[in-house]
Amino acid sequence: MIIKDFEQLSSKERREFLINSCQYLTSINFTDELITDLFYCQEGNFFIEVFYSVLWEKFLEMNPVKDTDQLAKYMREVDFGEIFEALNAR
């Protein structure tokens, strides 16, 4: 699946795809009320950000990362070199 395919999925289909086809990488707590999880989809070679509200206890958004500049905020949390090596070893 490529990014364009993912974007066409319903919210339910996106969740199923994320659970079944993506690798969890890390989480960032931007505030006490908002958590962002980062996943990697090896099949389509793209990342997905999942925004979760602690206050409302629900997912707010699930978006593919289209621009690698968006990954900068995760650089302290994730060693992408090690991740890609591990994924390519499969």
N, C-alpha and C. Protein backbone atom coordinates (compact mmCIF):
# COMPACT_ATOMS: atom_id res chain seq x y z
N MET A 1 0.84 -1.17 0.00
CA MET A 1 0.00 0.00 0.00
C MET A 1 0.89 1.24 0.00
N ILE A 2 0.54 2.19 -0.83
CA ILE A 2 1.28 3.45 -0.86
C ILE A 2 0.47 4.52 -0.13
N ILE A 3 1.09 5.67 0.07
CA ILE A 3 0.44 6.75 0.83
C ILE A 3 -0.92 7.10 0.24
N LYS A 4 -1.02 7.20 -1.07
CA LYS A 4 -2.29 7.59 -1.69
C LYS A 4 -3.38 6.57 -1.38
N ASP A 5 -3.04 5.29 -1.35
CA ASP A 5 -4.01 4.26 -0.99
C ASP A 5 -4.45 4.42 0.46
N PHE A 6 -3.47 4.66 1.35
CA PHE A 6 -3.78 4.83 2.77
C PHE A 6 -4.72 6.01 2.98
N GLU A 7 -4.49 7.09 2.27
CA GLU A 7 -5.32 8.29 2.42
C GLU A 7 -6.77 8.04 2.02
N GLN A 8 -7.01 7.08 1.17
CA GLN A 8 -8.37 6.79 0.70
C GLN A 8 -9.15 5.88 1.66
N LEU A 9 -8.47 5.30 2.64
CA LEU A 9 -9.12 4.38 3.57
C LEU A 9 -9.99 5.12 4.58
N SER A 10 -11.02 4.45 5.05
CA SER A 10 -11.84 5.00 6.13
C SER A 10 -11.04 4.96 7.43
N SER A 11 -11.52 5.62 8.46
CA SER A 11 -10.83 5.60 9.76
C SER A 11 -10.66 4.18 10.29
N LYS A 12 -11.71 3.39 10.15
CA LYS A 12 -11.66 2.01 10.62
C LYS A 12 -10.62 1.21 9.84
N GLU A 13 -10.57 1.38 8.52
CA GLU A 13 -9.61 0.67 7.68
C GLU A 13 -8.18 1.12 7.99
N ARG A 14 -8.01 2.41 8.28
CA ARG A 14 -6.68 2.91 8.64
C ARG A 14 -6.20 2.25 9.93
N ARG A 15 -7.08 2.16 10.93
CA ARG A 15 -6.71 1.52 12.19
C ARG A 15 -6.32 0.06 11.97
N GLU A 16 -7.11 -0.66 11.19
CA GLU A 16 -6.81 -2.07 10.91
C GLU A 16 -5.47 -2.22 10.19
N PHE A 17 -5.23 -1.36 9.21
CA PHE A 17 -3.97 -1.40 8.48
C PHE A 17 -2.80 -1.12 9.43
N LEU A 18 -2.95 -0.12 10.27
CA LEU A 18 -1.90 0.24 11.22
C LEU A 18 -1.58 -0.93 12.13
N ILE A 19 -2.58 -1.57 12.68
CA ILE A 19 -2.40 -2.69 13.60
C ILE A 19 -1.75 -3.89 12.91
N ASN A 20 -2.17 -4.18 11.70
CA ASN A 20 -1.74 -5.39 11.02
C ASN A 20 -0.49 -5.24 10.15
N SER A 21 -0.16 -4.01 9.74
CA SER A 21 0.89 -3.87 8.73
C SER A 21 2.00 -2.88 9.07
N CYS A 22 1.94 -2.27 10.24
CA CYS A 22 2.92 -1.23 10.56
C CYS A 22 3.66 -1.54 11.84
N GLN A 23 4.82 -0.95 11.96
CA GLN A 23 5.70 -1.14 13.12
C GLN A 23 5.68 0.12 13.98
N TYR A 24 5.34 -0.04 15.26
CA TYR A 24 5.38 1.08 16.20
C TYR A 24 6.83 1.48 16.43
N LEU A 25 7.10 2.81 16.43
CA LEU A 25 8.46 3.29 16.64
C LEU A 25 8.61 4.03 17.97
N THR A 26 7.77 5.02 18.21
CA THR A 26 7.92 5.83 19.43
C THR A 26 6.68 6.68 19.68
N SER A 27 6.64 7.30 20.85
CA SER A 27 5.57 8.23 21.21
C SER A 27 6.19 9.52 21.73
N ILE A 28 5.48 10.60 21.51
CA ILE A 28 5.87 11.89 22.08
C ILE A 28 4.65 12.48 22.77
N ASN A 29 4.84 12.89 24.01
CA ASN A 29 3.78 13.58 24.74
C ASN A 29 3.99 15.08 24.55
N PHE A 30 3.20 15.68 23.68
CA PHE A 30 3.36 17.11 23.44
C PHE A 30 2.79 17.92 24.59
N THR A 31 1.71 17.44 25.16
CA THR A 31 1.11 18.04 26.35
C THR A 31 0.60 16.89 27.20
N ASP A 32 0.05 17.20 28.35
CA ASP A 32 -0.55 16.16 29.19
C ASP A 32 -1.78 15.56 28.53
N GLU A 33 -2.33 16.26 27.54
CA GLU A 33 -3.57 15.83 26.91
C GLU A 33 -3.39 15.25 25.51
N LEU A 34 -2.20 15.40 24.91
CA LEU A 34 -2.00 14.95 23.54
C LEU A 34 -0.74 14.11 23.41
N ILE A 35 -0.92 12.92 22.86
CA ILE A 35 0.18 12.00 22.59
C ILE A 35 0.21 11.74 21.09
N THR A 36 1.41 11.72 20.53
CA THR A 36 1.57 11.37 19.12
C THR A 36 2.44 10.13 19.03
N ASP A 37 1.92 9.10 18.36
CA ASP A 37 2.66 7.86 18.12
C ASP A 37 3.16 7.89 16.68
N LEU A 38 4.33 7.35 16.47
CA LEU A 38 4.90 7.25 15.13
C LEU A 38 5.03 5.78 14.76
N PHE A 39 4.54 5.44 13.58
CA PHE A 39 4.60 4.08 13.05
C PHE A 39 5.30 4.11 11.70
N TYR A 40 5.86 2.97 11.31
CA TYR A 40 6.48 2.84 10.00
C TYR A 40 5.81 1.71 9.24
N CYS A 41 5.46 1.99 8.00
CA CYS A 41 4.87 1.00 7.12
C CYS A 41 5.93 0.59 6.11
N GLN A 42 6.52 -0.57 6.33
CA GLN A 42 7.59 -1.04 5.44
C GLN A 42 7.06 -1.35 4.05
N GLU A 43 5.86 -1.91 3.99
CA GLU A 43 5.27 -2.28 2.71
C GLU A 43 5.20 -1.10 1.74
N GLY A 44 4.82 0.06 2.25
CA GLY A 44 4.71 1.24 1.39
C GLY A 44 5.83 2.24 1.59
N ASN A 45 6.74 1.93 2.53
CA ASN A 45 7.88 2.77 2.84
C ASN A 45 7.46 4.20 3.21
N PHE A 46 6.54 4.29 4.20
CA PHE A 46 6.15 5.60 4.70
C PHE A 46 5.85 5.52 6.19
N PHE A 47 5.80 6.69 6.82
CA PHE A 47 5.53 6.80 8.24
C PHE A 47 4.10 7.28 8.45
N ILE A 48 3.54 6.95 9.63
CA ILE A 48 2.20 7.39 9.99
C ILE A 48 2.24 7.98 11.38
N GLU A 49 1.67 9.18 11.52
CA GLU A 49 1.52 9.79 12.84
C GLU A 49 0.11 9.56 13.33
N VAL A 50 0.00 9.15 14.59
CA VAL A 50 -1.30 8.92 15.21
C VAL A 50 -1.41 9.87 16.39
N PHE A 51 -2.42 10.73 16.35
CA PHE A 51 -2.65 11.70 17.41
C PHE A 51 -3.76 11.18 18.31
N TYR A 52 -3.45 11.09 19.61
CA TYR A 52 -4.37 10.51 20.59
C TYR A 52 -4.64 11.53 21.70
N SER A 53 -5.92 11.72 22.04
CA SER A 53 -6.30 12.61 23.12
C SER A 53 -6.45 11.82 24.41
N VAL A 54 -5.63 12.14 25.40
CA VAL A 54 -5.73 11.49 26.70
C VAL A 54 -7.02 11.95 27.38
N LEU A 55 -7.34 13.22 27.21
CA LEU A 55 -8.54 13.79 27.83
C LEU A 55 -9.80 13.10 27.35
N TRP A 56 -9.93 12.92 26.03
CA TRP A 56 -11.13 12.30 25.45
C TRP A 56 -11.00 10.80 25.28
N GLU A 57 -9.80 10.27 25.52
CA GLU A 57 -9.51 8.84 25.37
C GLU A 57 -9.91 8.31 24.00
N LYS A 58 -9.46 9.02 22.96
CA LYS A 58 -9.76 8.57 21.60
C LYS A 58 -8.72 9.11 20.62
N PHE A 59 -8.65 8.44 19.47
CA PHE A 59 -7.76 8.87 18.40
C PHE A 59 -8.37 10.09 17.72
N LEU A 60 -7.55 11.10 17.49
CA LEU A 60 -8.02 12.30 16.83
C LEU A 60 -7.73 12.27 15.33
N GLU A 61 -6.52 11.87 14.98
CA GLU A 61 -6.10 11.81 13.58
C GLU A 61 -5.10 10.69 13.37
N MET A 62 -5.04 10.22 12.14
CA MET A 62 -4.07 9.21 11.74
C MET A 62 -3.64 9.59 10.33
N ASN A 63 -2.46 10.21 10.23
CA ASN A 63 -2.04 10.78 8.96
C ASN A 63 -0.69 10.24 8.50
N PRO A 64 -0.56 10.00 7.19
CA PRO A 64 0.75 9.62 6.67
C PRO A 64 1.67 10.82 6.69
N VAL A 65 2.96 10.57 6.89
CA VAL A 65 3.96 11.62 6.86
C VAL A 65 4.42 11.76 5.42
N LYS A 66 4.12 12.91 4.81
CA LYS A 66 4.45 13.12 3.41
C LYS A 66 5.80 13.79 3.22
N ASP A 67 6.24 14.51 4.23
CA ASP A 67 7.48 15.28 4.13
C ASP A 67 8.41 14.85 5.26
N THR A 68 9.61 14.44 4.94
CA THR A 68 10.52 13.94 5.97
C THR A 68 10.87 15.01 7.00
N ASP A 69 10.65 16.29 6.69
CA ASP A 69 10.87 17.35 7.68
C ASP A 69 9.95 17.15 8.89
N GLN A 70 8.81 16.52 8.68
CA GLN A 70 7.87 16.24 9.77
C GLN A 70 8.47 15.27 10.79
N LEU A 71 9.48 14.51 10.39
CA LEU A 71 10.09 13.53 11.29
C LEU A 71 11.10 14.14 12.25
N ALA A 72 11.48 15.38 12.03
CA ALA A 72 12.51 16.03 12.85
C ALA A 72 12.17 15.99 14.34
N LYS A 73 10.92 16.14 14.69
CA LYS A 73 10.53 16.16 16.10
C LYS A 73 10.75 14.81 16.78
N TYR A 74 10.91 13.75 16.00
CA TYR A 74 11.13 12.41 16.56
C TYR A 74 12.61 12.04 16.65
N MET A 75 13.48 12.82 16.09
CA MET A 75 14.89 12.46 15.99
C MET A 75 15.55 12.16 17.33
N ARG A 76 15.17 12.84 18.38
CA ARG A 76 15.74 12.55 19.70
C ARG A 76 15.26 11.21 20.24
N GLU A 77 14.08 10.80 19.81
CA GLU A 77 13.46 9.60 20.35
C GLU A 77 13.84 8.33 19.60
N VAL A 78 14.15 8.46 18.32
CA VAL A 78 14.31 7.29 17.46
C VAL A 78 15.63 7.36 16.69
N ASP A 79 16.35 6.25 16.66
CA ASP A 79 17.52 6.12 15.80
C ASP A 79 17.04 5.45 14.52
N PHE A 80 16.77 6.24 13.51
CA PHE A 80 16.19 5.72 12.28
C PHE A 80 17.13 4.77 11.55
N GLY A 81 18.43 4.97 11.68
CA GLY A 81 19.39 4.07 11.05
C GLY A 81 19.24 2.65 11.55
N GLU A 82 19.13 2.49 12.87
CA GLU A 82 18.95 1.15 13.45
C GLU A 82 17.61 0.55 13.03
N ILE A 83 16.59 1.36 12.97
CA ILE A 83 15.26 0.87 12.59
C ILE A 83 15.29 0.34 11.16
N PHE A 84 15.86 1.11 10.24
CA PHE A 84 15.91 0.66 8.85
C PHE A 84 16.76 -0.59 8.69
N GLU A 85 17.84 -0.70 9.44
CA GLU A 85 18.66 -1.90 9.38
C GLU A 85 17.85 -3.11 9.84
N ALA A 86 17.13 -2.96 10.94
CA ALA A 86 16.34 -4.07 11.47
C ALA A 86 15.22 -4.46 10.49
N LEU A 87 14.58 -3.47 9.92
CA LEU A 87 13.48 -3.75 8.97
C LEU A 87 14.00 -4.40 7.70
N ASN A 88 15.15 -3.97 7.24
CA ASN A 88 15.72 -4.55 6.01
C ASN A 88 16.27 -5.95 6.22
N ALA A 89 16.56 -6.30 7.47
CA ALA A 89 17.09 -7.64 7.78
C ALA A 89 16.01 -8.71 7.75
N ARG A 90 14.76 -8.29 7.76
CA ARG A 90 13.65 -9.28 7.76
C ARG A 90 13.52 -10.00 6.46
